[in-house]
Amino acid sequence: MNGDISYYLGFGEELGINLMKSLGCLIRSWIVSENNYTPDESLGNKIDWIRVIPFVMINLSCLLVFSVRFSWIAIGTALILYFFRLFTIGAFYHRYFSHKAFKTSRFWQFIFAALAGTSAQRGPLWWAAHHRQHHMVSDTAEDAHSPVQHGFWWSHVGWFLTKKHYHYNPERVRDLEQYPELVFLERYDILMPALLFFVLFVIGWVLQTYAPQWNTGIGEMLVWGFSISLVATFNTTVIINSLCHVYGTRPYETSDNSKNNLFFALITLGEGWHNNHHHYPASARQGFRWWEIDITYYLIKLLELMGIVWDVKPVPKSVLEQNLTQK
């Protein structure tokens, strides 16, 4: 009996082996993120169709909401995870790793990097490298996600799916590369979303087995808690790129088109005060004034009271008054 799987699939031996190797490489590319950065522009802005597959699948899986039962528990889980992931992205991927707006211990740095990783927005090095680059060239032709230069769809999602921007310039994050645990999270950035998927699967199984009267099972927890929450978190995060450089007010003259937007600030937990942020990105606070609601900042201050973070950088009075346009 032939033990080669290609025999049973009807392929020739050589073709079958090549197909299996290709499949193995494909699966490995989803599991292991290799940063093969090159300044060579030959890649251009070509879409990386291999990595588009899981992105599209997660988005399409949200349509399964029509095939699962209505569940307040699942909806509540989705909302909790939405706000939790938005906070970890905004506070740590953004304000901590990208801008060093406060300090924390190496232990908590790793914990919050891992928790932010459940958002499936790559690892902390990739996120910080691209964001630091954005601030250096904001709204110029070199800005990967400028709606002014590239339009809405490209700045919202297109750039994220290209071969060129799948990688990151390591020169931008040498300070973070010194931590092997962060490099590990970067290399295996699928690990934390997969772990969350497994946890929600187990919770769903327990609920459908031991509390069937609650109408909550594996399907409800995965569709609401994982897919819908993740897609909502992603789109809310990237509207800062695609819309907060288009709609809003500009109290400060900056070299780009960044704008403040109250609505976006509310749904992003404070990230929508984008003109403030581009005026003075070093501060942990993006809502500069008392009426500019910045929930992420309030939670950072709570962590400071708990001793988890410290040296939280405020907004200097001189910065508040500098280049104020009153537009």
C-alpha atoms as a PDB file:
ATOM      1  CA  MET A   1       0.000   0.000   0.000  1.00  0.00           C
ATOM      2  CA  ASN A   2       1.330   3.439  -0.956  1.00  0.00           C
ATOM      3  CA  GLY A   3       1.787   5.638   2.128  1.00  0.00           C
ATOM      4  CA  ASP A   4       2.215   8.886   0.170  1.00  0.00           C
ATOM      5  CA  ILE A   5      -0.803  11.172   0.642  1.00  0.00           C
ATOM      6  CA  SER A   6      -0.352  12.519  -2.886  1.00  0.00           C
ATOM      7  CA  TYR A   7      -1.151   9.010  -4.178  1.00  0.00           C
ATOM      8  CA  TYR A   8      -4.602   9.078  -2.583  1.00  0.00           C
ATOM      9  CA  LEU A   9      -5.263  12.637  -3.731  1.00  0.00           C
ATOM     10  CA  GLY A  10      -4.643  11.602  -7.305  1.00  0.00           C
ATOM     11  CA  PHE A  11      -1.507  13.710  -7.805  1.00  0.00           C
ATOM     12  CA  GLY A  12       1.775  12.590  -9.226  1.00  0.00           C
ATOM     13  CA  GLU A  13       4.361  12.077  -6.522  1.00  0.00           C
ATOM     14  CA  GLU A  14       6.469  15.127  -7.421  1.00  0.00           C
ATOM     15  CA  LEU A  15       3.467  17.417  -7.853  1.00  0.00           C
ATOM     16  CA  GLY A  16       1.934  16.166  -4.610  1.00  0.00           C
ATOM     17  CA  ILE A  17       5.142  16.812  -2.674  1.00  0.00           C
ATOM     18  CA  ASN A  18       5.418  20.325  -4.112  1.00  0.00           C
ATOM     19  CA  LEU A  19       1.802  21.066  -3.231  1.00  0.00           C
ATOM     20  CA  MET A  20       2.303  19.842   0.325  1.00  0.00           C
ATOM     21  CA  LYS A  21       5.438  21.962   0.655  1.00  0.00           C
ATOM     22  CA  SER A  22       3.582  25.011  -0.632  1.00  0.00           C
ATOM     23  CA  LEU A  23       0.745  24.379   1.808  1.00  0.00           C
ATOM     24  CA  GLY A  24       3.246  24.026   4.635  1.00  0.00           C
ATOM     25  CA  CYS A  25       4.911  27.319   3.702  1.00  0.00           C
ATOM     26  CA  LEU A  26       1.520  29.014   3.546  1.00  0.00           C
ATOM     27  CA  ILE A  27       0.522  27.788   7.007  1.00  0.00           C
ATOM     28  CA  ARG A  28       3.933  28.732   8.410  1.00  0.00           C
ATOM     29  CA  SER A  29       3.594  32.273   7.026  1.00  0.00           C
ATOM     30  CA  TRP A  30       0.372  32.623   9.026  1.00  0.00           C
ATOM     31  CA  ILE A  31       1.941  31.282  12.223  1.00  0.00           C
ATOM     32  CA  VAL A  32       5.425  32.811  12.108  1.00  0.00           C
ATOM     33  CA  SER A  33       5.873  36.489  11.216  1.00  0.00           C
ATOM     34  CA  GLU A  34       9.292  37.010   9.680  1.00  0.00           C
ATOM     35  CA  ASN A  35      10.366  40.639   9.397  1.00  0.00           C
ATOM     36  CA  ASN A  36      12.250  40.775   6.096  1.00  0.00           C
ATOM     37  CA  TYR A  37      12.309  44.556   5.837  1.00  0.00           C
ATOM     38  CA  THR A  38      14.013  46.120   2.857  1.00  0.00           C
ATOM     39  CA  PRO A  39      14.053  49.781   1.780  1.00  0.00           C
ATOM     40  CA  ASP A  40      13.796  48.519  -1.798  1.00  0.00           C
ATOM     41  CA  GLU A  41      10.640  49.950  -3.354  1.00  0.00           C
ATOM     42  CA  SER A  42      10.260  47.054  -5.818  1.00  0.00           C
ATOM     43  CA  LEU A  43       7.444  45.558  -3.746  1.00  0.00           C
ATOM     44  CA  GLY A  44       5.452  48.719  -4.277  1.00  0.00           C
ATOM     45  CA  ASN A  45       1.970  48.582  -2.815  1.00  0.00           C
ATOM     46  CA  LYS A  46       1.051  45.112  -4.011  1.00  0.00           C
ATOM     47  CA  ILE A  47      -1.600  43.372  -1.950  1.00  0.00           C
ATOM     48  CA  ASP A  48      -0.319  40.296  -0.109  1.00  0.00           C
ATOM     49  CA  TRP A  49      -3.134  37.936  -1.066  1.00  0.00           C
ATOM     50  CA  ILE A  50      -1.847  35.093   1.095  1.00  0.00           C
ATOM     51  CA  ARG A  51      -2.256  37.156   4.246  1.00  0.00           C
ATOM     52  CA  VAL A  52      -5.506  38.660   3.037  1.00  0.00           C
ATOM     53  CA  ILE A  53      -7.155  35.233   3.391  1.00  0.00           C
ATOM     54  CA  PRO A  54      -7.391  35.138   7.232  1.00  0.00           C
ATOM     55  CA  PHE A  55      -8.326  38.840   7.293  1.00  0.00           C
ATOM     56  CA  VAL A  56     -11.226  38.278   4.899  1.00  0.00           C
ATOM     57  CA  MET A  57     -12.298  35.096   6.697  1.00  0.00           C
ATOM     58  CA  ILE A  58     -12.563  36.870  10.061  1.00  0.00           C
ATOM     59  CA  ASN A  59     -14.614  39.669   8.518  1.00  0.00           C
ATOM     60  CA  LEU A  60     -16.911  37.218   6.739  1.00  0.00           C
ATOM     61  CA  SER A  61     -17.352  35.186   9.910  1.00  0.00           C
ATOM     62  CA  CYS A  62     -19.278  38.133  11.365  1.00  0.00           C
ATOM     63  CA  LEU A  63     -22.116  37.197   8.998  1.00  0.00           C
ATOM     64  CA  LEU A  64     -22.594  34.063  11.083  1.00  0.00           C
ATOM     65  CA  VAL A  65     -24.377  36.318  13.567  1.00  0.00           C
ATOM     66  CA  PHE A  66     -27.530  35.504  11.598  1.00  0.00           C
ATOM     67  CA  SER A  67     -27.099  31.791  12.296  1.00  0.00           C
ATOM     68  CA  VAL A  68     -26.490  31.920  16.059  1.00  0.00           C
ATOM     69  CA  ARG A  69     -28.917  32.597  18.890  1.00  0.00           C
ATOM     70  CA  PHE A  70     -29.452  36.016  20.432  1.00  0.00           C
ATOM     71  CA  SER A  71     -27.417  36.151  23.637  1.00  0.00           C
ATOM     72  CA  TRP A  72     -26.954  39.049  26.023  1.00  0.00           C
ATOM     73  CA  ILE A  73     -23.990  37.209  27.529  1.00  0.00           C
ATOM     74  CA  ALA A  74     -22.258  36.988  24.154  1.00  0.00           C
ATOM     75  CA  ILE A  75     -23.063  40.612  23.315  1.00  0.00           C
ATOM     76  CA  GLY A  76     -21.787  41.714  26.720  1.00  0.00           C
ATOM     77  CA  THR A  77     -18.599  39.729  26.162  1.00  0.00           C
ATOM     78  CA  ALA A  78     -18.128  41.434  22.794  1.00  0.00           C
ATOM     79  CA  LEU A  79     -18.545  44.897  24.333  1.00  0.00           C
ATOM     80  CA  ILE A  80     -16.176  44.170  27.210  1.00  0.00           C
ATOM     81  CA  LEU A  81     -13.515  42.820  24.862  1.00  0.00           C
ATOM     82  CA  TYR A  82     -14.046  45.763  22.489  1.00  0.00           C
ATOM     83  CA  PHE A  83     -13.335  48.336  25.194  1.00  0.00           C
ATOM     84  CA  PHE A  84     -10.581  46.234  26.760  1.00  0.00           C
ATOM     85  CA  ARG A  85      -8.728  45.778  23.472  1.00  0.00           C
ATOM     86  CA  LEU A  86      -9.191  49.429  22.480  1.00  0.00           C
ATOM     87  CA  PHE A  87      -7.654  50.459  25.787  1.00  0.00           C
ATOM     88  CA  THR A  88      -4.636  48.160  25.504  1.00  0.00           C
ATOM     89  CA  ILE A  89      -4.014  49.287  21.920  1.00  0.00           C
ATOM     90  CA  GLY A  90      -4.429  52.989  22.712  1.00  0.00           C
ATOM     91  CA  ALA A  91      -2.593  53.009  26.030  1.00  0.00           C
ATOM     92  CA  PHE A  92       0.219  50.564  25.307  1.00  0.00           C
ATOM     93  CA  TYR A  93       0.766  49.963  21.585  1.00  0.00           C
ATOM     94  CA  HIS A  94       0.214  53.673  20.970  1.00  0.00           C
ATOM     95  CA  ARG A  95       1.010  55.897  23.927  1.00  0.00           C
ATOM     96  CA  TYR A  96       3.560  53.626  25.622  1.00  0.00           C
ATOM     97  CA  PHE A  97       5.426  51.653  22.957  1.00  0.00           C
ATOM     98  CA  SER A  98       5.181  54.265  20.201  1.00  0.00           C
ATOM     99  CA  HIS A  99       5.607  57.470  22.228  1.00  0.00           C
ATOM    100  CA  LYS A 100       7.016  56.514  25.651  1.00  0.00           C
ATOM    101  CA  ALA A 101       4.378  58.685  27.312  1.00  0.00           C
ATOM    102  CA  PHE A 102       4.754  56.863  30.636  1.00  0.00           C
ATOM    103  CA  LYS A 103       6.859  54.137  32.219  1.00  0.00           C
ATOM    104  CA  THR A 104       6.132  50.679  33.541  1.00  0.00           C
ATOM    105  CA  SER A 105       8.028  47.573  34.607  1.00  0.00           C
ATOM    106  CA  ARG A 106       9.297  44.972  32.190  1.00  0.00           C
ATOM    107  CA  PHE A 107       6.739  42.507  33.553  1.00  0.00           C
ATOM    108  CA  TRP A 108       3.744  44.786  32.945  1.00  0.00           C
ATOM    109  CA  GLN A 109       5.179  45.856  29.624  1.00  0.00           C
ATOM    110  CA  PHE A 110       5.028  42.235  28.492  1.00  0.00           C
ATOM    111  CA  ILE A 111       1.589  41.572  29.993  1.00  0.00           C
ATOM    112  CA  PHE A 112      -0.050  44.550  28.309  1.00  0.00           C
ATOM    113  CA  ALA A 113       1.739  43.871  25.025  1.00  0.00           C
ATOM    114  CA  ALA A 114       0.334  40.334  25.112  1.00  0.00           C
ATOM    115  CA  LEU A 115      -3.162  41.570  25.954  1.00  0.00           C
ATOM    116  CA  ALA A 116      -3.055  44.157  23.163  1.00  0.00           C
ATOM    117  CA  GLY A 117      -1.977  41.348  20.847  1.00  0.00           C
ATOM    118  CA  THR A 118      -5.453  39.798  21.153  1.00  0.00           C
ATOM    119  CA  SER A 119      -6.608  42.613  18.839  1.00  0.00           C
ATOM    120  CA  ALA A 120      -4.770  40.955  15.923  1.00  0.00           C
ATOM    121  CA  GLN A 121      -3.063  44.218  14.981  1.00  0.00           C
ATOM    122  CA  ARG A 122       0.320  42.529  14.715  1.00  0.00           C
ATOM    123  CA  GLY A 123       2.931  42.842  17.442  1.00  0.00           C
ATOM    124  CA  PRO A 124       4.171  45.852  19.443  1.00  0.00           C
ATOM    125  CA  LEU A 125       7.296  46.335  17.318  1.00  0.00           C
ATOM    126  CA  TRP A 126       5.384  46.412  14.026  1.00  0.00           C
ATOM    127  CA  TRP A 127       2.766  48.766  15.475  1.00  0.00           C
ATOM    128  CA  ALA A 128       5.276  51.164  17.036  1.00  0.00           C
ATOM    129  CA  ALA A 129       7.608  51.180  14.028  1.00  0.00           C
ATOM    130  CA  HIS A 130       4.858  52.117  11.604  1.00  0.00           C
ATOM    131  CA  HIS A 131       3.365  54.684  13.962  1.00  0.00           C
ATOM    132  CA  ARG A 132       6.689  56.386  14.600  1.00  0.00           C
ATOM    133  CA  GLN A 133       7.239  56.494  10.851  1.00  0.00           C
ATOM    134  CA  HIS A 134       3.770  58.042  10.447  1.00  0.00           C
ATOM    135  CA  HIS A 135       4.646  60.911  12.776  1.00  0.00           C
ATOM    136  CA  MET A 136       7.876  61.566  10.885  1.00  0.00           C
ATOM    137  CA  VAL A 137       6.157  61.916   7.495  1.00  0.00           C
ATOM    138  CA  SER A 138       2.512  62.574   8.391  1.00  0.00           C
ATOM    139  CA  ASP A 139       0.335  63.378   5.365  1.00  0.00           C
ATOM    140  CA  THR A 140       3.256  63.401   2.947  1.00  0.00           C
ATOM    141  CA  ALA A 141       3.610  60.975   0.047  1.00  0.00           C
ATOM    142  CA  GLU A 142       5.731  58.735   2.311  1.00  0.00           C
ATOM    143  CA  ASP A 143       2.925  58.373   4.865  1.00  0.00           C
ATOM    144  CA  ALA A 144       1.569  54.850   4.353  1.00  0.00           C
ATOM    145  CA  HIS A 145      -1.937  55.622   5.595  1.00  0.00           C
ATOM    146  CA  SER A 146      -2.569  59.263   4.793  1.00  0.00           C
ATOM    147  CA  PRO A 147      -6.100  59.813   3.423  1.00  0.00           C
ATOM    148  CA  VAL A 148      -4.910  63.152   2.071  1.00  0.00           C
ATOM    149  CA  GLN A 149      -2.399  61.367  -0.146  1.00  0.00           C
ATOM    150  CA  HIS A 150      -4.000  57.967  -0.754  1.00  0.00           C
ATOM    151  CA  GLY A 151      -7.751  58.257  -0.159  1.00  0.00           C
ATOM    152  CA  PHE A 152     -10.104  56.644   2.337  1.00  0.00           C
ATOM    153  CA  TRP A 153      -9.960  52.939   1.525  1.00  0.00           C
ATOM    154  CA  TRP A 154      -6.195  52.770   1.232  1.00  0.00           C
ATOM    155  CA  SER A 155      -5.613  54.665   4.480  1.00  0.00           C
ATOM    156  CA  HIS A 156      -8.310  52.638   6.250  1.00  0.00           C
ATOM    157  CA  VAL A 157      -7.296  49.125   5.288  1.00  0.00           C
ATOM    158  CA  GLY A 158      -5.416  48.842   1.980  1.00  0.00           C
ATOM    159  CA  TRP A 159      -1.930  49.691   3.226  1.00  0.00           C
ATOM    160  CA  PHE A 160      -2.279  47.170   6.057  1.00  0.00           C
ATOM    161  CA  LEU A 161      -2.619  44.320   3.546  1.00  0.00           C
ATOM    162  CA  THR A 162       0.426  45.017   1.377  1.00  0.00           C
ATOM    163  CA  LYS A 163       3.659  43.068   1.163  1.00  0.00           C
ATOM    164  CA  LYS A 164       5.625  46.271   1.673  1.00  0.00           C
ATOM    165  CA  HIS A 165       3.956  47.262   4.933  1.00  0.00           C
ATOM    166  CA  TYR A 166       3.700  43.757   6.364  1.00  0.00           C
ATOM    167  CA  HIS A 167       7.308  44.328   7.408  1.00  0.00           C
ATOM    168  CA  TYR A 168       8.686  47.167   9.520  1.00  0.00           C
ATOM    169  CA  ASN A 169      11.893  49.181   9.657  1.00  0.00           C
ATOM    170  CA  PRO A 170      13.853  47.819  12.654  1.00  0.00           C
ATOM    171  CA  GLU A 171      15.747  51.106  12.946  1.00  0.00           C
ATOM    172  CA  ARG A 172      12.551  52.668  14.258  1.00  0.00           C
ATOM    173  CA  VAL A 173      12.284  50.299  17.247  1.00  0.00           C
ATOM    174  CA  ARG A 174      15.819  49.441  18.361  1.00  0.00           C
ATOM    175  CA  ASP A 175      14.772  50.380  21.896  1.00  0.00           C
ATOM    176  CA  LEU A 176      12.084  47.680  21.863  1.00  0.00           C
ATOM    177  CA  GLU A 177      14.106  44.974  20.124  1.00  0.00           C
ATOM    178  CA  GLN A 178      16.289  44.606  23.214  1.00  0.00           C
ATOM    179  CA  TYR A 179      13.436  42.704  24.910  1.00  0.00           C
ATOM    180  CA  PRO A 180      13.323  39.058  23.728  1.00  0.00           C
ATOM    181  CA  GLU A 181       9.796  38.619  25.070  1.00  0.00           C
ATOM    182  CA  LEU A 182       8.524  41.441  22.839  1.00  0.00           C
ATOM    183  CA  VAL A 183      10.356  39.970  19.858  1.00  0.00           C
ATOM    184  CA  PHE A 184       8.657  36.647  20.650  1.00  0.00           C
ATOM    185  CA  LEU A 185       5.208  38.282  20.638  1.00  0.00           C
ATOM    186  CA  GLU A 186       6.111  39.930  17.352  1.00  0.00           C
ATOM    187  CA  ARG A 187       7.319  36.734  15.719  1.00  0.00           C
ATOM    188  CA  TYR A 188       4.288  34.735  16.851  1.00  0.00           C
ATOM    189  CA  ASP A 189       1.671  37.470  16.656  1.00  0.00           C
ATOM    190  CA  ILE A 190      -1.043  34.901  15.948  1.00  0.00           C
ATOM    191  CA  LEU A 191      -0.558  33.386  19.413  1.00  0.00           C
ATOM    192  CA  MET A 192      -2.636  35.820  21.470  1.00  0.00           C
ATOM    193  CA  PRO A 193      -5.656  35.965  19.118  1.00  0.00           C
ATOM    194  CA  ALA A 194      -5.551  32.155  18.955  1.00  0.00           C
ATOM    195  CA  LEU A 195      -5.414  31.930  22.758  1.00  0.00           C
ATOM    196  CA  LEU A 196      -8.417  34.240  23.084  1.00  0.00           C
ATOM    197  CA  PHE A 197     -10.276  32.134  20.500  1.00  0.00           C
ATOM    198  CA  PHE A 198      -9.575  29.016  22.577  1.00  0.00           C
ATOM    199  CA  VAL A 199     -10.679  30.669  25.848  1.00  0.00           C
ATOM    200  CA  LEU A 200     -13.954  31.830  24.276  1.00  0.00           C
ATOM    201  CA  PHE A 201     -14.468  28.354  22.802  1.00  0.00           C
ATOM    202  CA  VAL A 202     -14.092  26.776  26.253  1.00  0.00           C
ATOM    203  CA  ILE A 203     -16.401  29.329  27.889  1.00  0.00           C
ATOM    204  CA  GLY A 204     -18.997  28.709  25.186  1.00  0.00           C
ATOM    205  CA  TRP A 205     -18.750  24.945  25.674  1.00  0.00           C
ATOM    206  CA  VAL A 206     -19.150  25.270  29.447  1.00  0.00           C
ATOM    207  CA  LEU A 207     -22.191  27.527  29.082  1.00  0.00           C
ATOM    208  CA  GLN A 208     -23.961  25.351  26.520  1.00  0.00           C
ATOM    209  CA  THR A 209     -23.220  22.223  28.552  1.00  0.00           C
ATOM    210  CA  TYR A 210     -24.047  23.391  32.067  1.00  0.00           C
ATOM    211  CA  ALA A 211     -26.335  26.410  31.513  1.00  0.00           C
ATOM    212  CA  PRO A 212     -28.272  25.778  28.276  1.00  0.00           C
ATOM    213  CA  GLN A 213     -31.088  28.029  29.493  1.00  0.00           C
ATOM    214  CA  TRP A 214     -28.837  31.049  28.859  1.00  0.00           C
ATOM    215  CA  ASN A 215     -28.873  30.455  25.076  1.00  0.00           C
ATOM    216  CA  THR A 216     -25.124  30.907  24.903  1.00  0.00           C
ATOM    217  CA  GLY A 217     -22.771  28.363  23.418  1.00  0.00           C
ATOM    218  CA  ILE A 218     -19.608  28.039  21.374  1.00  0.00           C
ATOM    219  CA  GLY A 219     -21.083  29.689  18.284  1.00  0.00           C
ATOM    220  CA  GLU A 220     -22.417  32.727  20.130  1.00  0.00           C
ATOM    221  CA  MET A 221     -19.177  33.297  22.044  1.00  0.00           C
ATOM    222  CA  LEU A 222     -16.973  32.973  18.968  1.00  0.00           C
ATOM    223  CA  VAL A 223     -19.116  35.063  16.625  1.00  0.00           C
ATOM    224  CA  TRP A 224     -19.759  37.885  19.101  1.00  0.00           C
ATOM    225  CA  GLY A 225     -16.816  37.656  21.485  1.00  0.00           C
ATOM    226  CA  PHE A 226     -14.138  36.942  18.923  1.00  0.00           C
ATOM    227  CA  SER A 227     -15.121  37.977  15.394  1.00  0.00           C
ATOM    228  CA  ILE A 228     -17.493  40.925  15.821  1.00  0.00           C
ATOM    229  CA  SER A 229     -15.513  42.385  18.716  1.00  0.00           C
ATOM    230  CA  LEU A 230     -12.233  42.019  16.822  1.00  0.00           C
ATOM    231  CA  VAL A 231     -13.545  43.547  13.585  1.00  0.00           C
ATOM    232  CA  ALA A 232     -15.130  46.436  15.498  1.00  0.00           C
ATOM    233  CA  THR A 233     -11.874  47.061  17.379  1.00  0.00           C
ATOM    234  CA  PHE A 234      -9.846  47.044  14.170  1.00  0.00           C
ATOM    235  CA  ASN A 235     -12.125  49.424  12.283  1.00  0.00           C
ATOM    236  CA  THR A 236     -12.416  51.783  15.234  1.00  0.00           C
ATOM    237  CA  THR A 237      -8.632  51.872  15.560  1.00  0.00           C
ATOM    238  CA  VAL A 238      -7.970  52.653  11.906  1.00  0.00           C
ATOM    239  CA  ILE A 239     -10.584  55.389  11.538  1.00  0.00           C
ATOM    240  CA  ILE A 240      -8.003  57.559  13.271  1.00  0.00           C
ATOM    241  CA  ASN A 241      -5.900  57.092  10.126  1.00  0.00           C
ATOM    242  CA  SER A 242      -8.666  57.375   7.555  1.00  0.00           C
ATOM    243  CA  LEU A 243     -11.056  59.935   9.075  1.00  0.00           C
ATOM    244  CA  CYS A 244      -9.244  61.963  11.753  1.00  0.00           C
ATOM    245  CA  HIS A 245      -7.089  63.528   9.051  1.00  0.00           C
ATOM    246  CA  VAL A 246     -10.230  64.605   7.181  1.00  0.00           C
ATOM    247  CA  TYR A 247     -13.096  65.514   9.539  1.00  0.00           C
ATOM    248  CA  GLY A 248     -12.951  67.684  12.631  1.00  0.00           C
ATOM    249  CA  THR A 249     -11.371  70.826  14.039  1.00  0.00           C
ATOM    250  CA  ARG A 250      -7.789  72.065  14.104  1.00  0.00           C
ATOM    251  CA  PRO A 251      -7.080  74.071  17.259  1.00  0.00           C
ATOM    252  CA  TYR A 252      -3.352  73.778  16.565  1.00  0.00           C
ATOM    253  CA  GLU A 253      -1.330  74.486  13.452  1.00  0.00           C
ATOM    254  CA  THR A 254       0.556  71.298  12.644  1.00  0.00           C
ATOM    255  CA  SER A 255       2.478  70.268   9.546  1.00  0.00           C
ATOM    256  CA  ASP A 256      -0.189  67.711   8.656  1.00  0.00           C
ATOM    257  CA  ASN A 257      -3.988  67.626   8.376  1.00  0.00           C
ATOM    258  CA  SER A 258      -4.706  65.987  11.758  1.00  0.00           C
ATOM    259  CA  LYS A 259      -8.018  66.974  13.341  1.00  0.00           C
ATOM    260  CA  ASN A 260      -9.891  66.674  16.620  1.00  0.00           C
ATOM    261  CA  ASN A 261     -13.224  64.882  16.479  1.00  0.00           C
ATOM    262  CA  LEU A 262     -15.471  64.472  19.528  1.00  0.00           C
ATOM    263  CA  PHE A 263     -17.447  61.525  18.148  1.00  0.00           C
ATOM    264  CA  PHE A 264     -14.329  59.572  17.206  1.00  0.00           C
ATOM    265  CA  ALA A 265     -12.766  60.452  20.562  1.00  0.00           C
ATOM    266  CA  LEU A 266     -15.722  58.888  22.354  1.00  0.00           C
ATOM    267  CA  ILE A 267     -15.759  55.622  20.409  1.00  0.00           C
ATOM    268  CA  THR A 268     -11.946  55.260  20.490  1.00  0.00           C
ATOM    269  CA  LEU A 269     -11.619  56.070  24.215  1.00  0.00           C
ATOM    270  CA  GLY A 270      -9.770  59.325  23.531  1.00  0.00           C
ATOM    271  CA  GLU A 271      -7.728  58.684  20.396  1.00  0.00           C
ATOM    272  CA  GLY A 272      -9.924  61.051  18.379  1.00  0.00           C
ATOM    273  CA  TRP A 273      -8.246  64.166  19.805  1.00  0.00           C
ATOM    274  CA  HIS A 274      -5.831  63.690  16.972  1.00  0.00           C
ATOM    275  CA  ASN A 275      -4.781  67.270  16.275  1.00  0.00           C
ATOM    276  CA  ASN A 276      -3.878  67.601  19.954  1.00  0.00           C
ATOM    277  CA  HIS A 277      -1.842  64.426  19.675  1.00  0.00           C
ATOM    278  CA  HIS A 278       0.084  65.538  16.600  1.00  0.00           C
ATOM    279  CA  HIS A 279       0.723  68.897  18.255  1.00  0.00           C
ATOM    280  CA  TYR A 280       2.362  67.200  21.260  1.00  0.00           C
ATOM    281  CA  PRO A 281       2.658  63.391  20.889  1.00  0.00           C
ATOM    282  CA  ALA A 282       4.878  62.972  23.966  1.00  0.00           C
ATOM    283  CA  SER A 283       1.973  63.374  26.406  1.00  0.00           C
ATOM    284  CA  ALA A 284      -0.016  60.442  27.774  1.00  0.00           C
ATOM    285  CA  ARG A 285      -3.043  62.726  27.592  1.00  0.00           C
ATOM    286  CA  GLN A 286      -4.678  63.422  24.237  1.00  0.00           C
ATOM    287  CA  GLY A 287      -7.758  65.242  25.525  1.00  0.00           C
ATOM    288  CA  PHE A 288      -5.867  68.376  26.534  1.00  0.00           C
ATOM    289  CA  ARG A 289      -8.784  70.162  28.198  1.00  0.00           C
ATOM    290  CA  TRP A 290     -11.196  69.044  30.899  1.00  0.00           C
ATOM    291  CA  TRP A 291     -14.089  68.720  28.463  1.00  0.00           C
ATOM    292  CA  GLU A 292     -12.070  66.663  25.957  1.00  0.00           C
ATOM    293  CA  ILE A 293     -13.011  63.205  27.213  1.00  0.00           C
ATOM    294  CA  ASP A 294     -10.037  60.827  27.134  1.00  0.00           C
ATOM    295  CA  ILE A 295     -10.998  57.554  28.794  1.00  0.00           C
ATOM    296  CA  THR A 296      -7.677  55.906  27.956  1.00  0.00           C
ATOM    297  CA  TYR A 297      -5.857  58.643  29.864  1.00  0.00           C
ATOM    298  CA  TYR A 298      -8.159  58.286  32.866  1.00  0.00           C
ATOM    299  CA  LEU A 299      -7.419  54.555  32.981  1.00  0.00           C
ATOM    300  CA  ILE A 300      -3.679  55.217  32.662  1.00  0.00           C
ATOM    301  CA  LYS A 301      -3.964  57.497  35.704  1.00  0.00           C
ATOM    302  CA  LEU A 302      -5.799  54.696  37.529  1.00  0.00           C
ATOM    303  CA  LEU A 303      -2.917  52.345  36.723  1.00  0.00           C
ATOM    304  CA  GLU A 304      -0.588  55.019  38.081  1.00  0.00           C
ATOM    305  CA  LEU A 305      -2.507  55.072  41.371  1.00  0.00           C
ATOM    306  CA  MET A 306      -2.137  51.283  41.500  1.00  0.00           C
ATOM    307  CA  GLY A 307       1.620  51.560  41.015  1.00  0.00           C
ATOM    308  CA  ILE A 308       1.580  49.705  37.685  1.00  0.00           C
ATOM    309  CA  VAL A 309       2.738  52.727  35.654  1.00  0.00           C
ATOM    310  CA  TRP A 310       4.551  55.922  36.619  1.00  0.00           C
ATOM    311  CA  ASP A 311       6.091  59.106  35.183  1.00  0.00           C
ATOM    312  CA  VAL A 312       2.896  59.749  33.238  1.00  0.00           C
ATOM    313  CA  LYS A 313       3.761  62.722  31.039  1.00  0.00           C
ATOM    314  CA  PRO A 314       1.299  65.639  31.263  1.00  0.00           C
ATOM    315  CA  VAL A 315       0.633  68.404  28.748  1.00  0.00           C
ATOM    316  CA  PRO A 316       2.798  71.436  29.610  1.00  0.00           C
ATOM    317  CA  LYS A 317       0.956  74.752  29.804  1.00  0.00           C
ATOM    318  CA  SER A 318       3.303  76.211  27.209  1.00  0.00           C
ATOM    319  CA  VAL A 319       2.311  73.458  24.798  1.00  0.00           C
ATOM    320  CA  LEU A 320      -1.393  74.135  25.350  1.00  0.00           C
ATOM    321  CA  GLU A 321      -0.944  77.749  24.282  1.00  0.00           C
ATOM    322  CA  GLN A 322       1.579  77.204  21.499  1.00  0.00           C
ATOM    323  CA  ASN A 323       0.418  77.889  17.915  1.00  0.00           C
ATOM    324  CA  LEU A 324      -3.220  77.969  19.027  1.00  0.00           C
ATOM    325  CA  THR A 325      -5.303  78.879  15.982  1.00  0.00           C
ATOM    326  CA  GLN A 326      -8.768  78.895  17.596  1.00  0.00           C
ATOM    327  CA  LYS A 327     -10.251  77.409  14.423  1.00  0.00           C
END
